[in-house]
């Protein structure tokens, strides 16, 4: 498993529209090859800051299968207009879990 972690800054006043667009995009992730789960967390201290966490079977499922798909273009169409800056994305593996 690999986790896509995207740090997203949303334009001030666009939080509700971003969340509405993300809600509409859930089926895009649900049908993506190798996508196991996705969630979006919102910062309490910085309400324009969100973290997208997507669990992929492989990094290729994200970088090739999804990123090169029409569904990725639709995702960006739904949420991209609300970005204050390009998302910062990295991929992570679980190194330790306590539970």
C-alpha atoms as a PDB file:
ATOM      1  CA  UNK A   1       0.000   0.000   0.000  1.00  0.00           C
ATOM      2  CA  UNK A   2       1.007   3.563  -0.639  1.00  0.00           C
ATOM      3  CA  UNK A   3      -0.656   6.714   0.617  1.00  0.00           C
ATOM      4  CA  UNK A   4      -0.968   9.813  -1.495  1.00  0.00           C
ATOM      5  CA  UNK A   5      -0.821  12.808   0.838  1.00  0.00           C
ATOM      6  CA  UNK A   6      -1.806  16.111  -0.762  1.00  0.00           C
ATOM      7  CA  UNK A   7      -1.618  19.365   1.167  1.00  0.00           C
ATOM      8  CA  UNK A   8      -4.265  21.679  -0.309  1.00  0.00           C
ATOM      9  CA  UNK A   9      -4.674  25.388   0.360  1.00  0.00           C
ATOM     10  CA  UNK A  10      -8.096  26.703  -0.640  1.00  0.00           C
ATOM     11  CA  UNK A  11      -8.897  30.313  -1.467  1.00  0.00           C
ATOM     12  CA  UNK A  12     -10.494  32.160   1.435  1.00  0.00           C
ATOM     13  CA  UNK A  13     -14.269  31.948   1.150  1.00  0.00           C
ATOM     14  CA  UNK A  14     -14.122  28.880  -1.128  1.00  0.00           C
ATOM     15  CA  UNK A  15     -14.162  26.249   1.611  1.00  0.00           C
ATOM     16  CA  UNK A  16     -17.820  25.199   1.139  1.00  0.00           C
ATOM     17  CA  UNK A  17     -17.459  25.090  -2.655  1.00  0.00           C
ATOM     18  CA  UNK A  18     -14.264  23.036  -2.408  1.00  0.00           C
ATOM     19  CA  UNK A  19     -15.926  20.563  -0.053  1.00  0.00           C
ATOM     20  CA  UNK A  20     -18.991  20.328  -2.319  1.00  0.00           C
ATOM     21  CA  UNK A  21     -16.764  19.617  -5.330  1.00  0.00           C
ATOM     22  CA  UNK A  22     -14.790  17.028  -3.373  1.00  0.00           C
ATOM     23  CA  UNK A  23     -18.039  15.336  -2.322  1.00  0.00           C
ATOM     24  CA  UNK A  24     -19.070  15.077  -5.996  1.00  0.00           C
ATOM     25  CA  UNK A  25     -15.656  13.577  -6.801  1.00  0.00           C
ATOM     26  CA  UNK A  26     -15.911  10.656  -4.365  1.00  0.00           C
ATOM     27  CA  UNK A  27     -17.228   8.260  -7.073  1.00  0.00           C
ATOM     28  CA  UNK A  28     -14.204   9.113  -9.234  1.00  0.00           C
ATOM     29  CA  UNK A  29     -11.939   7.698  -6.532  1.00  0.00           C
ATOM     30  CA  UNK A  30     -14.255   4.792  -5.750  1.00  0.00           C
ATOM     31  CA  UNK A  31     -13.969   3.501  -9.312  1.00  0.00           C
ATOM     32  CA  UNK A  32     -10.263   4.267  -9.778  1.00  0.00           C
ATOM     33  CA  UNK A  33      -8.069   1.222 -10.304  1.00  0.00           C
ATOM     34  CA  UNK A  34      -6.231   0.367  -7.091  1.00  0.00           C
ATOM     35  CA  UNK A  35      -7.910   3.002  -4.927  1.00  0.00           C
ATOM     36  CA  UNK A  36      -8.732   1.541  -1.524  1.00  0.00           C
ATOM     37  CA  UNK A  37      -9.922   4.643   0.323  1.00  0.00           C
ATOM     38  CA  UNK A  38      -9.850   8.418   0.330  1.00  0.00           C
ATOM     39  CA  UNK A  39     -10.568  11.122   2.839  1.00  0.00           C
ATOM     40  CA  UNK A  40     -10.129  14.837   3.191  1.00  0.00           C
ATOM     41  CA  UNK A  41      -9.246  16.375   6.549  1.00  0.00           C
ATOM     42  CA  UNK A  42      -9.639  20.079   7.345  1.00  0.00           C
ATOM     43  CA  UNK A  43      -7.397  22.003   9.707  1.00  0.00           C
ATOM     44  CA  UNK A  44      -9.013  23.425  12.807  1.00  0.00           C
ATOM     45  CA  UNK A  45      -6.421  26.191  13.167  1.00  0.00           C
ATOM     46  CA  UNK A  46      -6.176  27.043   9.447  1.00  0.00           C
ATOM     47  CA  UNK A  47      -9.627  26.535   7.883  1.00  0.00           C
ATOM     48  CA  UNK A  48      -8.339  26.972   4.311  1.00  0.00           C
ATOM     49  CA  UNK A  49      -5.879  24.080   4.776  1.00  0.00           C
ATOM     50  CA  UNK A  50      -6.964  20.563   3.800  1.00  0.00           C
ATOM     51  CA  UNK A  51      -5.156  17.243   3.595  1.00  0.00           C
ATOM     52  CA  UNK A  52      -6.249  14.676   1.027  1.00  0.00           C
ATOM     53  CA  UNK A  53      -5.258  11.115   1.946  1.00  0.00           C
ATOM     54  CA  UNK A  54      -5.764   8.414  -0.677  1.00  0.00           C
ATOM     55  CA  UNK A  55      -4.774   4.786  -0.141  1.00  0.00           C
ATOM     56  CA  UNK A  56      -3.567   3.153  -3.362  1.00  0.00           C
ATOM     57  CA  UNK A  57      -2.507  -0.433  -3.973  1.00  0.00           C
ATOM     58  CA  UNK A  58       0.529   0.808  -5.937  1.00  0.00           C
ATOM     59  CA  UNK A  59       2.088   4.146  -6.764  1.00  0.00           C
ATOM     60  CA  UNK A  60       1.425   3.361 -10.441  1.00  0.00           C
ATOM     61  CA  UNK A  61      -2.313   3.190  -9.684  1.00  0.00           C
ATOM     62  CA  UNK A  62      -2.072   6.826  -8.661  1.00  0.00           C
ATOM     63  CA  UNK A  63       0.571   8.237 -10.989  1.00  0.00           C
ATOM     64  CA  UNK A  64      -0.409   6.363 -14.158  1.00  0.00           C
ATOM     65  CA  UNK A  65      -3.869   4.819 -13.917  1.00  0.00           C
ATOM     66  CA  UNK A  66      -5.564   7.741 -12.163  1.00  0.00           C
ATOM     67  CA  UNK A  67      -3.448  10.761 -13.131  1.00  0.00           C
ATOM     68  CA  UNK A  68      -3.695   9.907 -16.831  1.00  0.00           C
ATOM     69  CA  UNK A  69      -7.464   9.287 -16.724  1.00  0.00           C
ATOM     70  CA  UNK A  70     -10.488  11.390 -17.616  1.00  0.00           C
ATOM     71  CA  UNK A  71     -11.597  10.970 -13.985  1.00  0.00           C
ATOM     72  CA  UNK A  72      -8.498  12.879 -12.816  1.00  0.00           C
ATOM     73  CA  UNK A  73      -9.379  15.704 -15.205  1.00  0.00           C
ATOM     74  CA  UNK A  74     -12.903  15.728 -13.747  1.00  0.00           C
ATOM     75  CA  UNK A  75     -11.486  15.823 -10.179  1.00  0.00           C
ATOM     76  CA  UNK A  76      -9.393  18.852 -11.063  1.00  0.00           C
ATOM     77  CA  UNK A  77     -12.369  20.512 -12.765  1.00  0.00           C
ATOM     78  CA  UNK A  78     -14.464  20.077  -9.609  1.00  0.00           C
ATOM     79  CA  UNK A  79     -11.890  21.273  -7.058  1.00  0.00           C
ATOM     80  CA  UNK A  80      -9.112  23.047  -8.950  1.00  0.00           C
ATOM     81  CA  UNK A  81     -10.824  26.440  -9.234  1.00  0.00           C
ATOM     82  CA  UNK A  82     -10.778  26.640  -5.424  1.00  0.00           C
ATOM     83  CA  UNK A  83      -7.037  26.027  -4.980  1.00  0.00           C
ATOM     84  CA  UNK A  84      -5.049  28.999  -3.660  1.00  0.00           C
ATOM     85  CA  UNK A  85      -1.859  27.302  -4.903  1.00  0.00           C
ATOM     86  CA  UNK A  86      -0.938  23.950  -6.474  1.00  0.00           C
ATOM     87  CA  UNK A  87      -1.310  21.033  -4.015  1.00  0.00           C
ATOM     88  CA  UNK A  88       1.880  19.641  -2.504  1.00  0.00           C
ATOM     89  CA  UNK A  89       1.797  15.863  -3.040  1.00  0.00           C
ATOM     90  CA  UNK A  90       3.976  13.073  -1.707  1.00  0.00           C
ATOM     91  CA  UNK A  91       3.646   9.325  -1.309  1.00  0.00           C
ATOM     92  CA  UNK A  92       4.044   7.541   2.008  1.00  0.00           C
ATOM     93  CA  UNK A  93       4.262   3.989   3.375  1.00  0.00           C
ATOM     94  CA  UNK A  94       3.266   3.111   6.926  1.00  0.00           C
ATOM     95  CA  UNK A  95       6.430   2.691   8.982  1.00  0.00           C
ATOM     96  CA  UNK A  96       4.804   2.080  12.356  1.00  0.00           C
ATOM     97  CA  UNK A  97       1.354   1.698  13.800  1.00  0.00           C
ATOM     98  CA  UNK A  98       0.467   1.612  17.482  1.00  0.00           C
ATOM     99  CA  UNK A  99      -2.927  -0.089  17.239  1.00  0.00           C
END
